[in-house]
Amino acid sequence: MRYGFVILFLGLTGGCASPNVAQEAADRCEQVGISANDPDFTACTQAYRLQSQQNAISNAYGQTVDVPAPPRRGLPH
């Protein structure tokens, strides 16, 4: 069950990047000196998009793992 949320998240975000992530990736590439005219611009933006997805996956996994188990109810004494 723990991994179900991560797999669902991956399925929902796998093929699409939101415009905000794409713009942020382009901005970060330009900050390091890779402009839209450079041949490495596509690779740079893809790297930042993947890094953003990895961070989101790590956060989702951490939240799933940190959920405490429900309290056990024992037999009354």
Protein backbone atom coordinates (compact mmCIF):
# COMPACT_ATOMS: atom_id res chain seq x y z
CA MET A 1 0.00 0.00 0.00
CA ARG A 2 2.86 2.38 0.74
CA TYR A 3 4.19 2.10 -2.77
CA GLY A 4 0.75 2.49 -4.31
CA PHE A 5 0.76 6.23 -3.72
CA VAL A 6 4.18 6.60 -5.28
CA ILE A 7 3.18 4.53 -8.31
CA LEU A 8 -0.02 6.54 -8.69
CA PHE A 9 1.93 9.78 -8.45
CA LEU A 10 4.40 8.56 -11.07
CA GLY A 11 1.56 7.61 -13.38
CA LEU A 12 -0.09 10.99 -13.05
CA THR A 13 3.07 13.04 -13.54
CA GLY A 14 5.03 10.74 -15.83
CA GLY A 15 4.48 12.27 -19.23
CA CYS A 16 3.60 15.84 -18.51
CA ALA A 17 5.35 18.78 -17.00
CA SER A 18 3.33 21.74 -15.88
CA PRO A 19 4.06 25.06 -17.57
CA ASN A 20 5.44 26.36 -14.26
CA VAL A 21 8.00 23.54 -14.07
CA ALA A 22 8.97 24.04 -17.72
CA GLN A 23 9.40 27.78 -17.24
CA GLU A 24 11.35 27.30 -14.03
CA ALA A 25 13.63 24.81 -15.80
CA ALA A 26 14.24 27.27 -18.63
CA ASP A 27 14.98 30.05 -16.14
CA ARG A 28 17.44 27.89 -14.20
CA CYS A 29 19.26 26.90 -17.39
CA GLU A 30 19.58 30.54 -18.40
CA GLN A 31 20.95 31.36 -14.93
CA VAL A 32 23.83 28.95 -15.50
CA GLY A 33 24.54 30.35 -18.96
CA ILE A 34 22.62 28.01 -21.25
CA SER A 35 20.25 30.04 -23.41
CA ALA A 36 17.43 28.81 -25.63
CA ASN A 37 19.75 29.07 -28.66
CA ASP A 38 22.32 26.62 -27.23
CA PRO A 39 22.21 23.02 -28.47
CA ASP A 40 22.29 21.79 -24.84
CA PHE A 41 19.24 23.78 -23.80
CA THR A 42 16.81 20.87 -24.25
CA ALA A 43 19.01 18.52 -22.23
CA CYS A 44 19.39 21.14 -19.50
CA THR A 45 15.66 21.78 -19.18
CA GLN A 46 14.95 18.04 -19.18
CA ALA A 47 17.46 17.56 -16.37
CA TYR A 48 15.76 20.22 -14.25
CA ARG A 49 12.32 18.75 -14.98
CA LEU A 50 13.50 15.30 -13.92
CA GLN A 51 15.06 16.76 -10.78
CA SER A 52 11.75 18.42 -9.94
CA GLN A 53 9.89 15.14 -10.46
CA GLN A 54 12.41 13.27 -8.32
CA ASN A 55 11.96 15.80 -5.52
CA ALA A 56 8.18 15.42 -5.72
CA ILE A 57 8.46 11.62 -5.65
CA SER A 58 10.81 11.75 -2.66
CA ASN A 59 8.44 14.07 -0.80
CA ALA A 60 5.44 11.85 -1.56
CA TYR A 61 7.33 8.75 -0.45
CA GLY A 62 8.50 10.45 2.75
CA GLN A 63 4.97 11.49 3.60
CA THR A 64 3.70 7.97 2.95
CA VAL A 65 6.36 6.32 5.07
CA ASP A 66 5.96 8.77 7.95
CA VAL A 67 2.27 8.03 8.42
CA PRO A 68 1.95 6.32 11.79
CA ALA A 69 0.17 3.01 12.04
CA PRO A 70 -3.26 3.12 13.65
CA PRO A 71 -3.28 2.19 17.33
CA ARG A 72 -3.83 -1.48 18.08
CA ARG A 73 -6.90 -2.35 19.98
CA GLY A 74 -6.29 -5.25 22.24
CA LEU A 75 -8.72 -7.47 24.00
CA PRO A 76 -10.26 -5.91 27.10
CA HIS A 77 -8.82 -7.20 30.35
